[in-house]
């Protein structure tokens, strides 16, 4: 072990130890800690020239107490940031919502959680929002009734408000138009609006949007809602009593999941939901009969 001094610019570092059992690169790393000059920039003069990283100390000729000269430019000192770090939990509530990417919520107007959950779910579909943005307030087609047009406009405006707001949104206008279009959602019990089924709200709202967002002039995906949410079913309808059998195709916006003691997994409940019994007139029997309807999925939303 040797002890030397090192002069760099106007500074002199005394009592710098050299472990001669280690290569000179280790010594340069020590000097980096003292001066901030990276090893690859250090030029240390010794007997015979510049000190190399892998030189043999026994041939370099450095002696105890020797003064070594070093040249090289130190790394730029990192400046402290003008503003310290700001943690999300320290931000105001409105800014936390933006930082975390969470959209605004909907206020419950009294048993309207079924409606709010439906709207929030549909609001998360970018393609549906784009289609609604392109919907004209005054561009109602002749085939579309006024209340369907009003509900579509109210949906578009509510989506837009949800995108812009960081505070809970009051969906009053949407709720009023929804009840006007579908009066069942305005049922009262003891002067209080009754709780309703979210699936029914989902189905009715999607049906309305499918009618209003159609593009008759487009041969490709004329029905935006059907392309985004439609589930294509092919059904076999069979009457065991008469042997009659027929088939039909339909598009639905949800699948039924029947839960019973035999159902342990979701896919089992969905399979049960694709089977049903219905009663209708049998031409062969001349009376009503029970038919078994078995459906299969032939197409999924994109």
Protein backbone atom coordinates (compact mmCIF):
# COMPACT_ATOMS: atom_id res chain seq x y z
CA UNK A 1 0.00 0.00 0.00
CA UNK A 2 1.44 3.37 -1.05
CA UNK A 3 0.40 6.88 -0.03
CA UNK A 4 0.74 9.71 -2.56
CA UNK A 5 -0.54 13.22 -3.18
CA UNK A 6 -2.37 14.23 -6.35
CA UNK A 7 -2.43 17.73 -7.83
CA UNK A 8 -5.44 18.56 -10.00
CA UNK A 9 -5.89 22.11 -11.23
CA UNK A 10 -5.35 24.27 -8.10
CA UNK A 11 -6.19 21.54 -5.64
CA UNK A 12 -3.86 19.09 -3.96
CA UNK A 13 -5.22 15.89 -2.44
CA UNK A 14 -2.87 14.52 0.19
CA UNK A 15 -2.56 11.04 1.64
CA UNK A 16 -4.28 9.25 -1.22
CA UNK A 17 -3.74 5.54 -0.78
CA UNK A 18 -2.85 3.23 -3.66
CA UNK A 19 -3.64 -0.46 -3.29
CA UNK A 20 -0.92 -1.92 -5.49
CA UNK A 21 -2.69 -5.28 -5.52
CA UNK A 22 -5.46 -3.66 -7.59
CA UNK A 23 -5.12 -2.29 -11.16
CA UNK A 24 -4.67 1.49 -11.63
CA UNK A 25 -8.31 1.74 -12.72
CA UNK A 26 -9.32 1.30 -9.07
CA UNK A 27 -7.02 4.21 -8.14
CA UNK A 28 -8.68 6.33 -10.83
CA UNK A 29 -12.09 5.53 -9.37
CA UNK A 30 -10.82 6.87 -6.02
CA UNK A 31 -9.80 10.09 -7.76
CA UNK A 32 -13.21 10.29 -9.42
CA UNK A 33 -14.80 10.37 -5.97
CA UNK A 34 -12.42 13.19 -4.98
CA UNK A 35 -12.50 15.32 -8.14
CA UNK A 36 -15.55 14.33 -10.17
CA UNK A 37 -13.33 13.56 -13.18
CA UNK A 38 -14.43 10.23 -14.77
CA UNK A 39 -11.62 7.63 -15.11
CA UNK A 40 -11.75 7.76 -18.92
CA UNK A 41 -10.94 11.51 -18.84
CA UNK A 42 -8.10 11.30 -16.31
CA UNK A 43 -4.56 11.81 -17.55
CA UNK A 44 -2.09 10.97 -14.76
CA UNK A 45 1.60 11.46 -15.54
CA UNK A 46 3.99 8.82 -14.27
CA UNK A 47 7.42 7.63 -15.25
CA UNK A 48 7.37 6.75 -18.93
CA UNK A 49 4.13 8.56 -19.84
CA UNK A 50 0.47 8.35 -18.80
CA UNK A 51 -0.89 5.88 -16.28
CA UNK A 52 -2.88 3.16 -18.06
CA UNK A 53 -5.91 1.43 -16.52
CA UNK A 54 -4.33 -2.03 -16.64
CA UNK A 55 -0.70 -1.13 -15.94
CA UNK A 56 1.45 -3.11 -13.50
CA UNK A 57 2.28 -0.97 -10.45
CA UNK A 58 5.66 -2.68 -10.12
CA UNK A 59 6.74 -1.28 -13.49
CA UNK A 60 5.16 2.17 -13.11
CA UNK A 61 7.73 3.32 -10.57
CA UNK A 62 5.45 5.22 -8.19
CA UNK A 63 7.13 5.82 -4.83
CA UNK A 64 5.86 6.44 -1.32
CA UNK A 65 4.92 10.12 -0.84
CA UNK A 66 5.29 10.94 -4.53
CA UNK A 67 3.29 13.85 -5.97
CA UNK A 68 1.30 12.91 -9.08
CA UNK A 69 -0.15 15.34 -11.62
CA UNK A 70 -3.63 14.77 -13.02
CA UNK A 71 -5.45 16.54 -15.83
CA UNK A 72 -9.08 16.16 -16.86
CA UNK A 73 -12.47 17.86 -16.84
CA UNK A 74 -14.96 17.01 -14.14
CA UNK A 75 -18.58 16.14 -14.89
CA UNK A 76 -21.00 19.03 -14.67
CA UNK A 77 -22.49 19.26 -11.22
CA UNK A 78 -26.15 18.36 -11.36
CA UNK A 79 -28.23 21.34 -10.35
CA UNK A 80 -31.00 20.92 -7.88
CA UNK A 81 -34.44 21.16 -9.50
CA UNK A 82 -36.10 24.54 -9.23
CA UNK A 83 -39.23 22.82 -7.96
CA UNK A 84 -39.18 19.85 -5.67
CA UNK A 85 -41.15 16.68 -6.43
CA UNK A 86 -44.91 16.92 -6.00
CA UNK A 87 -46.67 13.76 -4.92
CA UNK A 88 -50.11 12.89 -6.26
CA UNK A 89 -51.61 12.67 -2.78
CA UNK A 90 -50.53 16.29 -2.15
CA UNK A 91 -52.39 17.64 -5.21
CA UNK A 92 -55.85 19.21 -4.95
CA UNK A 93 -58.65 16.71 -5.54
CA UNK A 94 -59.41 18.07 -9.03
CA UNK A 95 -55.77 17.71 -10.12
CA UNK A 96 -55.54 14.21 -8.65
CA UNK A 97 -58.39 13.13 -10.91
CA UNK A 98 -56.54 14.40 -14.00
CA UNK A 99 -53.18 12.95 -12.91
CA UNK A 100 -54.60 9.49 -12.26
CA UNK A 101 -56.65 9.51 -15.46
CA UNK A 102 -59.94 8.96 -13.66
CA UNK A 103 -62.97 10.57 -15.25
CA UNK A 104 -65.69 12.41 -13.42
CA UNK A 105 -68.44 10.44 -11.77
CA UNK A 106 -72.22 10.86 -11.85
CA UNK A 107 -74.30 12.00 -8.91
CA UNK A 108 -77.03 9.63 -7.78
CA UNK A 109 -80.36 11.41 -8.22
CA UNK A 110 -82.20 8.92 -6.05
CA UNK A 111 -82.13 5.22 -6.99
CA UNK A 112 -80.43 6.06 -10.30
CA UNK A 113 -77.38 3.83 -9.81
CA UNK A 114 -78.73 1.53 -12.58
CA UNK A 115 -78.64 4.47 -15.01
CA UNK A 116 -75.27 5.82 -13.82
CA UNK A 117 -73.55 2.44 -14.17
CA UNK A 118 -74.94 2.02 -17.70
CA UNK A 119 -73.77 5.49 -18.76
CA UNK A 120 -70.31 5.05 -17.22
CA UNK A 121 -69.87 1.70 -18.96
CA UNK A 122 -70.85 3.08 -22.37
CA UNK A 123 -68.77 6.21 -21.81
CA UNK A 124 -65.64 4.03 -21.63
CA UNK A 125 -66.00 3.01 -25.31
CA UNK A 126 -64.04 5.53 -27.47
CA UNK A 127 -65.68 4.44 -30.75
CA UNK A 128 -69.15 5.13 -29.35
CA UNK A 129 -68.08 8.57 -28.14
CA UNK A 130 -66.70 9.37 -31.60
CA UNK A 131 -69.95 8.31 -33.26
CA UNK A 132 -71.96 10.49 -30.86
CA UNK A 133 -69.71 13.49 -31.49
CA UNK A 134 -70.54 13.21 -35.19
CA UNK A 135 -74.27 13.09 -34.47
CA UNK A 136 -75.95 16.32 -35.54
CA UNK A 137 -78.39 18.02 -33.19
CA UNK A 138 -80.57 19.09 -36.10
CA UNK A 139 -79.91 16.12 -38.37
CA UNK A 140 -82.74 13.83 -37.26
CA UNK A 141 -83.82 11.41 -39.97
CA UNK A 142 -87.47 10.99 -40.88
CA UNK A 143 -87.48 7.41 -39.55
CA UNK A 144 -86.33 8.47 -36.06
CA UNK A 145 -88.89 9.64 -33.51
CA UNK A 146 -88.34 12.86 -31.59
CA UNK A 147 -87.74 11.29 -28.16
CA UNK A 148 -85.08 8.92 -29.56
CA UNK A 149 -83.36 11.92 -31.12
CA UNK A 150 -83.54 13.82 -27.83
CA UNK A 151 -82.11 10.86 -25.88
CA UNK A 152 -79.21 10.53 -28.34
CA UNK A 153 -78.40 14.24 -28.03
CA UNK A 154 -78.64 14.02 -24.23
CA UNK A 155 -76.25 11.03 -24.24
CA UNK A 156 -73.79 12.90 -26.44
CA UNK A 157 -73.91 16.00 -24.24
CA UNK A 158 -73.52 13.96 -21.04
CA UNK A 159 -70.48 12.14 -22.45
CA UNK A 160 -68.96 15.49 -23.41
CA UNK A 161 -69.55 16.86 -19.92
CA UNK A 162 -67.97 13.78 -18.35
CA UNK A 163 -64.87 14.27 -20.51
CA UNK A 164 -64.47 17.91 -19.52
CA UNK A 165 -65.37 17.81 -15.84
CA UNK A 166 -63.26 16.69 -12.89
CA UNK A 167 -66.13 17.00 -10.44
CA UNK A 168 -69.21 14.75 -10.23
CA UNK A 169 -71.70 15.51 -13.00
CA UNK A 170 -75.44 15.87 -12.39
CA UNK A 171 -77.16 13.87 -15.19
CA UNK A 172 -80.52 15.60 -14.74
CA UNK A 173 -81.20 16.38 -18.41
CA UNK A 174 -80.32 12.84 -19.48
CA UNK A 175 -82.52 11.35 -16.76
CA UNK A 176 -85.49 13.51 -17.75
CA UNK A 177 -85.21 12.50 -21.42
CA UNK A 178 -84.68 8.82 -20.51
CA UNK A 179 -87.93 8.82 -18.50
CA UNK A 180 -89.74 10.55 -21.33
CA UNK A 181 -88.58 7.94 -23.84
CA UNK A 182 -89.06 4.98 -21.47
CA UNK A 183 -91.72 5.83 -18.84
CA UNK A 184 -91.01 2.65 -16.84
CA UNK A 185 -87.90 4.34 -15.47
CA UNK A 186 -90.11 7.04 -13.95
CA UNK A 187 -92.16 4.73 -11.73
CA UNK A 188 -92.78 6.06 -8.23
CA UNK A 189 -93.38 4.31 -4.91
CA UNK A 190 -94.53 6.46 -2.01
CA UNK A 191 -93.36 9.52 -3.90
CA UNK A 192 -89.84 8.13 -4.48
CA UNK A 193 -88.46 6.96 -7.82
CA UNK A 194 -88.12 3.19 -7.78
CA UNK A 195 -84.92 1.23 -8.30
CA UNK A 196 -84.69 -0.15 -11.84
CA UNK A 197 -82.81 -2.87 -13.68
CA UNK A 198 -79.44 -1.84 -15.16
CA UNK A 199 -79.72 -4.51 -17.88
CA UNK A 200 -83.03 -3.08 -19.05
CA UNK A 201 -81.55 0.42 -19.13
CA UNK A 202 -78.55 -0.92 -21.07
CA UNK A 203 -80.73 -2.70 -23.63
CA UNK A 204 -83.15 0.20 -24.14
CA UNK A 205 -80.42 2.82 -24.44
CA UNK A 206 -78.40 0.74 -26.91
CA UNK A 207 -81.52 0.08 -28.97
CA UNK A 208 -82.19 3.83 -29.19
CA UNK A 209 -78.59 4.61 -30.12
CA UNK A 210 -78.58 1.85 -32.72
CA UNK A 211 -81.54 3.51 -34.42
CA UNK A 212 -80.15 7.05 -34.30
CA UNK A 213 -76.51 6.28 -35.18
CA UNK A 214 -77.27 4.30 -38.31
CA UNK A 215 -75.49 5.41 -41.48
CA UNK A 216 -77.84 4.53 -44.36
CA UNK A 217 -75.35 5.70 -47.00
CA UNK A 218 -72.56 3.46 -45.74
CA UNK A 219 -72.36 -0.12 -46.96
CA UNK A 220 -69.68 -0.91 -44.37
CA UNK A 221 -70.89 -1.04 -40.76
CA UNK A 222 -74.16 0.85 -41.32
CA UNK A 223 -75.08 0.19 -37.68
CA UNK A 224 -72.35 1.53 -35.37
CA UNK A 225 -73.90 0.22 -32.17
CA UNK A 226 -74.45 -3.25 -33.61
CA UNK A 227 -70.82 -3.40 -34.73
CA UNK A 228 -69.59 -2.36 -31.27
CA UNK A 229 -71.96 -4.29 -29.02
CA UNK A 230 -74.02 -6.70 -31.13
CA UNK A 231 -73.78 -10.43 -30.40
CA UNK A 232 -75.02 -12.53 -33.31
CA UNK A 233 -77.03 -15.63 -32.43
CA UNK A 234 -78.28 -18.51 -34.56
CA UNK A 235 -81.14 -20.37 -32.88
CA UNK A 236 -82.76 -23.77 -33.44
CA UNK A 237 -86.40 -23.89 -32.35
CA UNK A 238 -87.76 -27.42 -31.89
CA UNK A 239 -91.10 -28.80 -30.72
CA UNK A 240 -90.68 -32.28 -29.28
CA UNK A 241 -94.41 -32.92 -29.32
CA UNK A 242 -94.94 -32.30 -33.04
CA UNK A 243 -91.40 -32.62 -34.37
CA UNK A 244 -91.57 -29.17 -35.97
CA UNK A 245 -88.24 -27.40 -36.31
CA UNK A 246 -87.12 -24.01 -37.54
CA UNK A 247 -84.13 -21.70 -37.25
CA UNK A 248 -83.67 -17.96 -36.89
CA UNK A 249 -80.91 -15.39 -36.56
CA UNK A 250 -80.91 -12.40 -34.26
CA UNK A 251 -78.62 -9.77 -32.76
CA UNK A 252 -78.63 -9.09 -29.01
CA UNK A 253 -76.74 -6.66 -26.79
CA UNK A 254 -76.32 -8.92 -23.77
CA UNK A 255 -76.13 -12.59 -22.80
CA UNK A 256 -78.16 -14.15 -20.01
CA UNK A 257 -76.30 -15.94 -17.25
CA UNK A 258 -78.57 -18.42 -15.48
CA UNK A 259 -77.37 -19.31 -11.99
CA UNK A 260 -78.48 -22.53 -10.33
CA UNK A 261 -77.07 -25.16 -7.99
CA UNK A 262 -75.44 -26.91 -10.95
CA UNK A 263 -73.64 -23.77 -12.15
CA UNK A 264 -70.14 -23.28 -10.74
CA UNK A 265 -68.51 -21.13 -13.43
CA UNK A 266 -69.52 -18.19 -15.60
CA UNK A 267 -69.32 -20.10 -18.88
CA UNK A 268 -71.72 -22.71 -17.51
CA UNK A 269 -74.26 -20.02 -16.63
CA UNK A 270 -73.94 -18.51 -20.11
CA UNK A 271 -74.52 -21.91 -21.73
CA UNK A 272 -77.68 -22.35 -19.66
CA UNK A 273 -78.78 -18.88 -20.76
CA UNK A 274 -78.58 -19.91 -24.42
CA UNK A 275 -81.34 -22.47 -23.84
CA UNK A 276 -84.95 -21.51 -23.16
CA UNK A 277 -88.51 -22.72 -23.52
CA UNK A 278 -91.26 -20.75 -25.20
CA UNK A 279 -94.92 -21.35 -25.85
CA UNK A 280 -96.37 -20.54 -29.25
CA UNK A 281 -98.95 -21.76 -31.73
CA UNK A 282 -98.14 -25.03 -33.49
CA UNK A 283 -99.51 -25.26 -37.05
CA UNK A 284 -99.15 -29.05 -36.97
CA UNK A 285 -101.08 -29.47 -33.71
CA UNK A 286 -103.52 -26.63 -34.24
CA UNK A 287 -102.91 -25.32 -30.72
CA UNK A 288 -100.24 -23.88 -28.48
CA UNK A 289 -97.24 -26.05 -27.69
CA UNK A 290 -93.92 -25.84 -25.88
CA UNK A 291 -90.86 -25.23 -28.04
CA UNK A 292 -87.22 -25.58 -27.01
CA UNK A 293 -84.97 -22.78 -28.25
CA UNK A 294 -81.23 -23.50 -28.40
CA UNK A 295 -78.95 -20.67 -29.48
CA UNK A 296 -75.33 -20.55 -30.57
CA UNK A 297 -73.08 -17.51 -30.86
CA UNK A 298 -72.16 -16.88 -34.48
CA UNK A 299 -70.57 -13.44 -34.17
CA UNK A 300 -69.05 -11.23 -31.47
CA UNK A 301 -68.61 -7.45 -31.26
CA UNK A 302 -65.43 -6.09 -32.77
